[in-house]
Amino acid sequence: MKGKRPDFIVNSVVELDGGQNRWREIGVAFWNERNDTLSVLLDAVPLSGKLVLMQPKQRSTEDADQAA
Protein backbone atom coordinates (compact mmCIF):
# COMPACT_ATOMS: atom_id res chain seq x y z
CA MET A 1 0.00 0.00 0.00
CA LYS A 2 2.97 2.28 0.40
CA GLY A 3 2.99 4.75 -2.47
CA LYS A 4 -0.45 3.60 -3.65
CA ARG A 5 -3.25 6.16 -3.87
CA PRO A 6 -6.09 5.23 -1.48
CA ASP A 7 -9.38 4.01 -2.94
CA PHE A 8 -11.36 5.78 -0.22
CA ILE A 9 -10.94 8.61 2.29
CA VAL A 10 -12.38 7.74 5.73
CA ASN A 11 -14.31 10.50 7.52
CA SER A 12 -15.85 10.66 10.96
CA VAL A 13 -19.12 12.58 11.19
CA VAL A 14 -20.15 14.20 14.49
CA GLU A 15 -23.54 15.85 14.89
CA LEU A 16 -23.27 19.24 16.58
CA ASP A 17 -25.93 21.18 18.46
CA GLY A 18 -28.29 22.82 16.02
CA GLY A 19 -28.37 19.84 13.68
CA GLN A 20 -25.14 20.61 11.83
CA ASN A 21 -22.52 17.95 11.15
CA ARG A 22 -18.74 18.22 11.47
CA TRP A 23 -16.73 16.04 9.11
CA ARG A 24 -13.16 15.13 9.95
CA GLU A 25 -10.81 13.07 7.76
CA ILE A 26 -9.37 10.31 9.93
CA GLY A 27 -7.90 7.73 7.56
CA VAL A 28 -7.83 5.91 4.24
CA ALA A 29 -9.04 2.60 2.83
CA PHE A 30 -7.73 0.31 0.08
CA TRP A 31 -9.42 -2.47 -1.91
CA ASN A 32 -7.87 -5.92 -1.57
CA GLU A 33 -8.69 -7.34 -4.98
CA ARG A 34 -7.49 -10.82 -4.13
CA ASN A 35 -10.23 -11.48 -1.57
CA ASP A 36 -12.63 -8.59 -2.34
CA THR A 37 -12.26 -6.85 1.05
CA LEU A 38 -11.23 -3.42 2.32
CA SER A 39 -8.23 -2.54 4.46
CA VAL A 40 -9.00 0.54 6.58
CA LEU A 41 -6.14 2.53 8.12
CA LEU A 42 -7.27 4.99 10.79
CA ASP A 43 -5.25 7.83 12.32
CA ALA A 44 -7.94 8.38 14.97
CA VAL A 45 -10.78 6.46 16.57
CA PRO A 46 -14.23 7.93 15.88
CA LEU A 47 -16.16 8.75 19.05
CA SER A 48 -19.50 8.82 17.25
CA GLY A 49 -19.06 5.34 15.79
CA LYS A 50 -20.08 6.67 12.38
CA LEU A 51 -17.64 6.38 9.46
CA VAL A 52 -18.19 7.60 5.91
CA LEU A 53 -15.96 6.31 3.09
CA MET A 54 -15.71 8.58 0.05
CA GLN A 55 -13.73 8.16 -3.13
CA PRO A 56 -10.96 10.77 -3.32
CA LYS A 57 -11.50 13.60 -5.75
CA GLN A 58 -9.29 13.55 -8.82
CA ARG A 59 -6.82 16.41 -8.76
CA SER A 60 -6.65 18.41 -11.95
CA THR A 61 -3.24 19.17 -13.45
CA GLU A 62 -3.79 22.82 -12.49
CA ASP A 63 -4.28 21.85 -8.82
CA ALA A 64 -1.19 19.64 -8.94
CA ASP A 65 0.89 22.49 -10.42
CA GLN A 66 -0.23 24.86 -7.64
CA ALA A 67 0.65 22.30 -4.95
CA ALA A 68 4.20 21.86 -6.31
C-alpha atoms as a PDB file:
ATOM      1  CA  MET A   1       0.000   0.000   0.000  1.00  0.00           C
ATOM      2  CA  LYS A   2       2.972   2.285   0.404  1.00  0.00           C
ATOM      3  CA  GLY A   3       2.986   4.751  -2.469  1.00  0.00           C
ATOM      4  CA  LYS A   4      -0.454   3.600  -3.655  1.00  0.00           C
ATOM      5  CA  ARG A   5      -3.251   6.160  -3.872  1.00  0.00           C
ATOM      6  CA  PRO A   6      -6.095   5.230  -1.475  1.00  0.00           C
ATOM      7  CA  ASP A   7      -9.378   4.013  -2.936  1.00  0.00           C
ATOM      8  CA  PHE A   8     -11.362   5.777  -0.216  1.00  0.00           C
ATOM      9  CA  ILE A   9     -10.936   8.606   2.289  1.00  0.00           C
ATOM     10  CA  VAL A  10     -12.376   7.741   5.729  1.00  0.00           C
ATOM     11  CA  ASN A  11     -14.306  10.498   7.518  1.00  0.00           C
ATOM     12  CA  SER A  12     -15.852  10.657  10.963  1.00  0.00           C
ATOM     13  CA  VAL A  13     -19.122  12.584  11.192  1.00  0.00           C
ATOM     14  CA  VAL A  14     -20.150  14.197  14.489  1.00  0.00           C
ATOM     15  CA  GLU A  15     -23.538  15.847  14.892  1.00  0.00           C
ATOM     16  CA  LEU A  16     -23.275  19.238  16.577  1.00  0.00           C
ATOM     17  CA  ASP A  17     -25.928  21.179  18.457  1.00  0.00           C
ATOM     18  CA  GLY A  18     -28.287  22.824  16.021  1.00  0.00           C
ATOM     19  CA  GLY A  19     -28.366  19.837  13.678  1.00  0.00           C
ATOM     20  CA  GLN A  20     -25.136  20.614  11.834  1.00  0.00           C
ATOM     21  CA  ASN A  21     -22.516  17.953  11.146  1.00  0.00           C
ATOM     22  CA  ARG A  22     -18.742  18.224  11.466  1.00  0.00           C
ATOM     23  CA  TRP A  23     -16.734  16.037   9.106  1.00  0.00           C
ATOM     24  CA  ARG A  24     -13.161  15.126   9.947  1.00  0.00           C
ATOM     25  CA  GLU A  25     -10.815  13.071   7.756  1.00  0.00           C
ATOM     26  CA  ILE A  26      -9.368  10.310   9.934  1.00  0.00           C
ATOM     27  CA  GLY A  27      -7.897   7.727   7.557  1.00  0.00           C
ATOM     28  CA  VAL A  28      -7.831   5.914   4.239  1.00  0.00           C
ATOM     29  CA  ALA A  29      -9.041   2.598   2.827  1.00  0.00           C
ATOM     30  CA  PHE A  30      -7.725   0.306   0.083  1.00  0.00           C
ATOM     31  CA  TRP A  31      -9.424  -2.475  -1.909  1.00  0.00           C
ATOM     32  CA  ASN A  32      -7.875  -5.924  -1.568  1.00  0.00           C
ATOM     33  CA  GLU A  33      -8.691  -7.338  -4.978  1.00  0.00           C
ATOM     34  CA  ARG A  34      -7.490 -10.822  -4.129  1.00  0.00           C
ATOM     35  CA  ASN A  35     -10.233 -11.479  -1.568  1.00  0.00           C
ATOM     36  CA  ASP A  36     -12.632  -8.589  -2.340  1.00  0.00           C
ATOM     37  CA  THR A  37     -12.264  -6.853   1.048  1.00  0.00           C
ATOM     38  CA  LEU A  38     -11.226  -3.420   2.322  1.00  0.00           C
ATOM     39  CA  SER A  39      -8.229  -2.538   4.463  1.00  0.00           C
ATOM     40  CA  VAL A  40      -8.999   0.536   6.579  1.00  0.00           C
ATOM     41  CA  LEU A  41      -6.139   2.528   8.118  1.00  0.00           C
ATOM     42  CA  LEU A  42      -7.266   4.991  10.794  1.00  0.00           C
ATOM     43  CA  ASP A  43      -5.249   7.831  12.323  1.00  0.00           C
ATOM     44  CA  ALA A  44      -7.938   8.384  14.966  1.00  0.00           C
ATOM     45  CA  VAL A  45     -10.782   6.458  16.572  1.00  0.00           C
ATOM     46  CA  PRO A  46     -14.228   7.934  15.885  1.00  0.00           C
ATOM     47  CA  LEU A  47     -16.157   8.747  19.050  1.00  0.00           C
ATOM     48  CA  SER A  48     -19.497   8.817  17.251  1.00  0.00           C
ATOM     49  CA  GLY A  49     -19.058   5.338  15.791  1.00  0.00           C
ATOM     50  CA  LYS A  50     -20.078   6.666  12.377  1.00  0.00           C
ATOM     51  CA  LEU A  51     -17.640   6.385   9.459  1.00  0.00           C
ATOM     52  CA  VAL A  52     -18.185   7.602   5.908  1.00  0.00           C
ATOM     53  CA  LEU A  53     -15.958   6.315   3.093  1.00  0.00           C
ATOM     54  CA  MET A  54     -15.711   8.577   0.050  1.00  0.00           C
ATOM     55  CA  GLN A  55     -13.730   8.164  -3.128  1.00  0.00           C
ATOM     56  CA  PRO A  56     -10.956  10.767  -3.320  1.00  0.00           C
ATOM     57  CA  LYS A  57     -11.505  13.598  -5.755  1.00  0.00           C
ATOM     58  CA  GLN A  58      -9.289  13.546  -8.824  1.00  0.00           C
ATOM     59  CA  ARG A  59      -6.817  16.407  -8.763  1.00  0.00           C
ATOM     60  CA  SER A  60      -6.649  18.409 -11.953  1.00  0.00           C
ATOM     61  CA  THR A  61      -3.244  19.172 -13.449  1.00  0.00           C
ATOM     62  CA  GLU A  62      -3.793  22.825 -12.489  1.00  0.00           C
ATOM     63  CA  ASP A  63      -4.277  21.850  -8.819  1.00  0.00           C
ATOM     64  CA  ALA A  64      -1.194  19.636  -8.940  1.00  0.00           C
ATOM     65  CA  ASP A  65       0.886  22.485 -10.424  1.00  0.00           C
ATOM     66  CA  GLN A  66      -0.231  24.858  -7.641  1.00  0.00           C
ATOM     67  CA  ALA A  67       0.651  22.297  -4.951  1.00  0.00           C
ATOM     68  CA  ALA A  68       4.201  21.865  -6.314  1.00  0.00           C
END
